[in-house]
Amino acid sequence: MLTDTHCHLYLEQFAGDIDDVIRRATEAGVEKMLVPGMDLETSRQAVQLAETYPSIFAAVGYHPTDMQKFSAEDFDEICRLAERPKVVAIGEIGLDYYWVKETEKRMEQRQNLLPHLELADKVNKPVILHLREDNDAESGNATNDLLDILEPWHKTLTALKSHPGVFHSFNGNLESAQRAMDMNFFIGVTGSVTYKKNESQRELVGKLPLDRILIETDSPFQTPVPHRGKRNEPANVTLIADKIAEIHRTTREAIAHATTSNANRLFGWEITT
């Protein structure tokens, strides 16, 4: 069985056929899907999906590019949502210097990340981290700023210390990945690993230990080859698993076993069903 640890199934691209999308995922062997929020409204929608469909779980929080919507009152509701049984993580949170250029707004991202990290520790649920550099560089200020925030936070953790979260759709270099893994973070691999131009990403994935990898579709985005250009959906985790298997010279079954075990360890959702 496979898992899709990152899919935005509340977006309008799925409004007309969500039942079919979930059915196709199940038929493809996807037993669990995690839907992360990006603000209060989408966090509510993620929770609603999770409480409607047994195979769906939710995360709640503010995406770094949606910080203009952040308020103390709304964050109080995020905190309440985080207590719901089918909410298994805090996210999608993090830093984005690709879309956000202004120094003041980047500082706001960093400031508003802190209460999310505090919430994760309080409710004992891992974080789903977004990290995107200016010009999509492999490393830079966003990476350094995020890791510099996470390292002292990780030192204060108790229960979460062994499984603090995942770097979603990681596009960095091995040095940054190692700093993350040194804190016991997992690394999320999406359909972009199948793109012809992304040889450096495939090289990185080949150097990652299998016990640190999660598979994500980021649906409806980052559709893997050969369906690139079409809407992505959770059933396509099979294509990502196949590419990881090719890189690691093993089988889809081995990748499915490893990544599903990793997701279980991180989110603890094998005991919530």
Protein backbone atom coordinates (compact mmCIF):
# COMPACT_ATOMS: atom_id res chain seq x y z
CA MET A 1 0.00 0.00 0.00
CA LEU A 2 1.06 3.58 -0.74
CA THR A 3 0.41 6.94 0.90
CA ASP A 4 0.09 10.45 -0.51
CA THR A 5 1.35 12.71 2.24
CA HIS A 6 0.49 16.00 0.52
CA CYS A 7 -2.53 16.74 -1.68
CA HIS A 8 -4.79 19.81 -1.78
CA LEU A 9 -8.07 18.06 -2.48
CA TYR A 10 -10.23 21.04 -1.43
CA LEU A 11 -9.13 23.14 -4.41
CA GLU A 12 -11.60 23.92 -7.18
CA GLN A 13 -9.86 21.52 -9.58
CA PHE A 14 -11.47 18.68 -7.61
CA ALA A 15 -14.89 20.22 -7.08
CA GLY A 16 -16.66 18.07 -9.67
CA ASP A 17 -15.25 14.58 -9.07
CA ILE A 18 -13.71 14.23 -5.62
CA ASP A 19 -15.38 10.83 -5.09
CA ASP A 20 -13.87 9.53 -8.33
CA VAL A 21 -10.45 10.93 -7.39
CA ILE A 22 -10.52 9.09 -4.08
CA ARG A 23 -11.79 5.90 -5.74
CA ARG A 24 -8.96 5.96 -8.29
CA ALA A 25 -6.44 6.49 -5.52
CA THR A 26 -7.79 3.51 -3.61
CA GLU A 27 -7.73 1.35 -6.74
CA ALA A 28 -4.09 2.38 -7.27
CA GLY A 29 -3.21 1.16 -3.78
CA VAL A 30 -3.17 4.50 -1.97
CA GLU A 31 -4.49 3.74 1.50
CA LYS A 32 -4.06 7.16 3.12
CA MET A 33 -3.97 10.76 1.88
CA LEU A 34 -2.98 13.87 3.84
CA VAL A 35 -4.63 17.19 2.97
CA PRO A 36 -2.82 20.25 4.40
CA GLY A 37 -4.50 23.61 4.81
CA MET A 38 -3.04 26.91 3.62
CA ASP A 39 -5.16 29.34 5.69
CA LEU A 40 -8.12 29.16 8.04
CA GLU A 41 -10.75 28.46 5.38
CA THR A 42 -8.77 25.73 3.61
CA SER A 43 -7.82 24.24 6.97
CA ARG A 44 -11.53 23.97 7.74
CA GLN A 45 -12.07 22.33 4.36
CA ALA A 46 -9.22 19.90 4.94
CA VAL A 47 -10.73 18.85 8.26
CA GLN A 48 -14.16 18.45 6.68
CA LEU A 49 -12.71 16.16 4.00
CA ALA A 50 -10.87 14.13 6.62
CA GLU A 51 -14.00 13.72 8.71
CA THR A 52 -15.98 12.69 5.62
CA TYR A 53 -13.62 10.15 4.03
CA PRO A 54 -11.91 7.43 6.13
CA SER A 55 -8.75 7.43 3.98
CA ILE A 56 -8.16 11.19 4.28
CA PHE A 57 -6.34 13.00 7.09
CA ALA A 58 -5.76 16.73 7.57
CA ALA A 59 -3.17 19.29 8.57
CA VAL A 60 -3.96 22.88 9.57
CA GLY A 61 -2.02 26.14 9.38
CA TYR A 62 -1.04 29.16 7.33
CA HIS A 63 1.03 28.83 4.16
CA PRO A 64 3.83 31.43 4.07
CA THR A 65 2.35 33.13 0.99
CA ASP A 66 -1.01 33.52 2.77
CA MET A 67 0.28 35.41 5.80
CA GLN A 68 -1.75 38.50 4.85
CA LYS A 69 -4.76 36.50 6.13
CA PHE A 70 -3.12 35.66 9.46
CA SER A 71 -4.68 37.10 12.63
CA ALA A 72 -4.55 36.15 16.28
CA GLU A 73 -8.28 35.43 16.30
CA ASP A 74 -8.12 33.14 13.28
CA PHE A 75 -5.05 31.39 14.65
CA ASP A 76 -7.04 30.60 17.78
CA GLU A 77 -9.40 28.61 15.57
CA ILE A 78 -6.42 26.88 13.91
CA CYS A 79 -5.38 25.82 17.40
CA ARG A 80 -8.83 24.40 18.07
CA LEU A 81 -8.87 22.56 14.76
CA ALA A 82 -5.45 21.10 15.57
CA GLU A 83 -7.02 19.16 18.43
CA ARG A 84 -9.38 17.22 16.13
CA PRO A 85 -8.57 13.49 15.95
CA LYS A 86 -8.09 13.34 12.17
CA VAL A 87 -5.74 16.32 12.15
CA VAL A 88 -2.32 14.67 12.21
CA ALA A 89 0.01 17.59 11.46
CA ILE A 90 0.48 21.36 11.47
CA GLY A 91 0.92 22.77 8.00
CA GLU A 92 1.50 23.72 5.32
CA ILE A 93 3.79 26.22 7.01
CA GLY A 94 7.31 27.53 6.37
CA LEU A 95 9.12 30.16 4.32
CA ASP A 96 8.69 31.25 0.71
CA TYR A 97 11.16 33.76 -0.74
CA TYR A 98 10.21 32.94 -4.34
CA TRP A 99 6.88 34.76 -4.33
CA VAL A 100 7.59 37.01 -1.35
CA LYS A 101 10.35 39.52 -2.07
CA GLU A 102 9.83 42.30 0.50
CA THR A 103 12.12 42.14 3.54
CA GLU A 104 9.29 43.13 5.88
CA LYS A 105 6.96 40.41 4.59
CA ARG A 106 9.71 37.79 4.82
CA MET A 107 10.19 38.82 8.44
CA GLU A 108 6.45 38.45 8.96
CA GLN A 109 6.66 34.90 7.62
CA ARG A 110 9.38 34.06 10.13
CA GLN A 111 7.49 35.65 13.01
CA ASN A 112 4.23 33.87 12.22
CA LEU A 113 6.00 30.55 11.80
CA LEU A 114 6.91 30.54 15.49
CA PRO A 115 3.39 30.12 16.94
CA HIS A 116 2.80 27.26 14.49
CA LEU A 117 5.90 25.52 15.82
CA GLU A 118 4.76 26.12 19.38
CA LEU A 119 1.36 24.67 18.49
CA ALA A 120 2.93 21.55 17.00
CA ASP A 121 4.83 20.94 20.22
CA LYS A 122 1.73 21.59 22.34
CA VAL A 123 -0.54 19.16 20.47
CA ASN A 124 2.31 16.71 19.72
CA LYS A 125 1.75 16.75 15.96
CA PRO A 126 4.56 17.13 13.39
CA VAL A 127 4.95 20.00 10.96
CA ILE A 128 4.67 20.05 7.16
CA LEU A 129 7.22 22.56 5.94
CA HIS A 130 7.16 24.59 2.75
CA LEU A 131 10.55 25.92 1.63
CA ARG A 132 11.07 27.83 -1.60
CA GLU A 133 14.08 29.95 -2.44
CA ASP A 134 14.26 33.13 -4.47
CA ASN A 135 14.65 32.09 -8.14
CA ASP A 136 14.10 28.46 -7.09
CA ALA A 137 17.73 28.16 -6.04
CA GLU A 138 18.84 24.97 -4.30
CA SER A 139 19.97 26.93 -1.25
CA GLY A 140 20.00 30.49 0.00
CA ASN A 141 18.50 32.81 2.60
CA ALA A 142 15.18 30.97 2.93
CA THR A 143 16.92 27.66 3.61
CA ASN A 144 19.32 29.19 6.12
CA ASP A 145 16.57 31.16 7.86
CA LEU A 146 14.29 28.13 8.16
CA LEU A 147 16.98 25.79 9.43
CA ASP A 148 18.21 28.44 11.87
CA ILE A 149 14.67 28.65 13.28
CA LEU A 150 14.16 24.89 13.41
CA GLU A 151 17.43 23.84 15.04
CA PRO A 152 16.86 25.57 18.41
CA TRP A 153 13.17 24.58 18.31
CA HIS A 154 14.10 20.94 17.78
CA LYS A 155 16.40 21.01 20.81
CA THR A 156 13.44 21.92 23.04
CA LEU A 157 11.22 19.08 21.84
CA THR A 158 10.44 15.96 23.80
CA ALA A 159 7.85 13.65 22.20
CA LEU A 160 8.28 15.14 18.72
CA LYS A 161 12.05 15.04 18.77
CA SER A 162 12.26 11.75 16.86
CA HIS A 163 9.68 12.78 14.22
CA PRO A 164 9.32 16.59 14.05
CA GLY A 165 8.00 16.78 10.49
CA VAL A 166 8.69 16.75 6.76
CA PHE A 167 10.26 19.13 4.28
CA HIS A 168 7.53 19.13 1.65
CA SER A 169 8.54 18.89 -2.03
CA PHE A 170 12.19 19.36 -1.14
CA ASN A 171 14.21 21.05 -3.87
CA GLY A 172 17.40 21.79 -1.97
CA ASN A 173 20.88 20.35 -1.94
CA LEU A 174 22.34 17.43 0.00
CA GLU A 175 23.91 19.68 2.64
CA SER A 176 20.55 21.22 3.51
CA ALA A 177 18.83 17.84 3.41
CA GLN A 178 21.43 16.48 5.81
CA ARG A 179 20.86 19.34 8.25
CA ALA A 180 17.15 18.52 8.14
CA MET A 181 17.70 14.79 8.55
CA ASP A 182 20.07 15.44 11.46
CA MET A 183 16.97 16.77 13.22
CA ASN A 184 15.03 13.63 12.20
CA PHE A 185 12.99 15.40 9.52
CA PHE A 186 11.67 13.45 6.55
CA ILE A 187 12.13 14.59 2.95
CA GLY A 188 9.10 14.81 0.65
CA VAL A 189 9.52 13.72 -2.99
CA THR A 190 6.98 14.86 -5.59
CA GLY A 191 6.34 14.31 -9.30
CA SER A 192 9.01 16.85 -10.22
CA VAL A 193 11.56 14.05 -9.71
CA THR A 194 10.28 12.59 -13.00
CA TYR A 195 10.93 15.77 -15.04
CA LYS A 196 13.70 15.47 -17.61
CA LYS A 197 15.45 18.68 -16.49
CA ASN A 198 15.64 17.64 -12.82
CA GLU A 199 18.70 15.40 -12.91
CA SER A 200 20.16 17.11 -9.82
CA GLN A 201 17.01 16.26 -7.90
CA ARG A 202 17.23 12.62 -8.94
CA GLU A 203 20.87 12.57 -7.82
CA LEU A 204 19.78 13.93 -4.44
CA VAL A 205 16.99 11.36 -4.07
CA GLY A 206 19.49 8.63 -4.85
CA LYS A 207 21.57 9.77 -1.87
CA LEU A 208 18.68 9.92 0.58
CA PRO A 209 18.18 6.90 2.83
CA LEU A 210 14.87 5.20 2.19
CA ASP A 211 13.88 5.56 5.84
CA ARG A 212 13.79 9.37 5.38
CA ILE A 213 11.63 9.62 2.21
CA LEU A 214 7.93 10.39 1.91
CA ILE A 215 5.95 10.39 -1.36
CA GLU A 216 3.72 13.37 -2.15
CA THR A 217 1.75 14.36 -5.21
CA ASP A 218 1.09 17.99 -4.18
CA SER A 219 -2.11 17.54 -6.20
CA PRO A 220 -3.35 19.21 -8.32
CA PHE A 221 0.19 20.50 -8.98
CA GLN A 222 3.51 18.89 -10.02
CA THR A 223 1.97 16.18 -12.16
CA PRO A 224 4.53 13.46 -12.92
CA VAL A 225 5.56 12.26 -16.37
CA PRO A 226 3.83 10.98 -18.50
CA HIS A 227 0.78 13.01 -17.40
CA ARG A 228 2.56 16.35 -17.06
CA GLY A 229 0.29 19.20 -18.13
CA LYS A 230 -2.82 17.51 -16.73
CA ARG A 231 -4.34 17.80 -13.28
CA ASN A 232 -2.43 15.80 -10.71
CA GLU A 233 -4.20 13.47 -8.28
CA PRO A 234 -3.23 11.01 -5.51
CA ALA A 235 -3.37 7.93 -7.77
CA ASN A 236 -0.19 9.25 -9.40
CA VAL A 237 1.91 8.36 -6.35
CA THR A 238 2.56 5.10 -8.19
CA LEU A 239 4.54 6.99 -10.84
CA ILE A 240 6.63 8.74 -8.20
CA ALA A 241 7.23 5.44 -6.41
CA ASP A 242 8.36 3.88 -9.68
CA LYS A 243 10.86 6.69 -10.28
CA ILE A 244 12.27 6.42 -6.76
CA ALA A 245 12.52 2.65 -7.22
CA GLU A 246 14.41 3.19 -10.48
CA ILE A 247 16.80 5.62 -8.81
CA HIS A 248 17.43 3.30 -5.86
CA ARG A 249 17.52 0.20 -8.07
CA THR A 250 14.77 -1.58 -6.20
CA THR A 251 11.07 -2.36 -6.63
CA ARG A 252 7.89 -0.33 -6.29
CA GLU A 253 6.88 -2.72 -3.51
CA ALA A 254 10.03 -1.92 -1.55
CA ILE A 255 9.46 1.82 -1.97
CA ALA A 256 5.79 1.47 -1.01
CA HIS A 257 6.73 -0.44 2.14
CA ALA A 258 9.45 2.04 3.15
CA THR A 259 7.52 5.23 2.49
CA THR A 260 4.29 3.96 4.06
CA SER A 261 6.21 2.90 7.16
CA ASN A 262 7.82 6.35 7.26
CA ALA A 263 4.43 8.05 7.02
CA ASN A 264 3.08 5.86 9.82
CA ARG A 265 6.01 6.77 12.03
CA LEU A 266 5.67 10.46 11.32
CA PHE A 267 1.91 10.94 11.51
CA GLY A 268 0.88 8.07 13.78
CA TRP A 269 -2.19 7.59 11.66
CA GLU A 270 -2.10 3.82 11.69
CA ILE A 271 -3.64 4.02 15.16
CA THR A 272 -6.27 6.65 14.34
CA THR A 273 -8.26 4.62 11.79
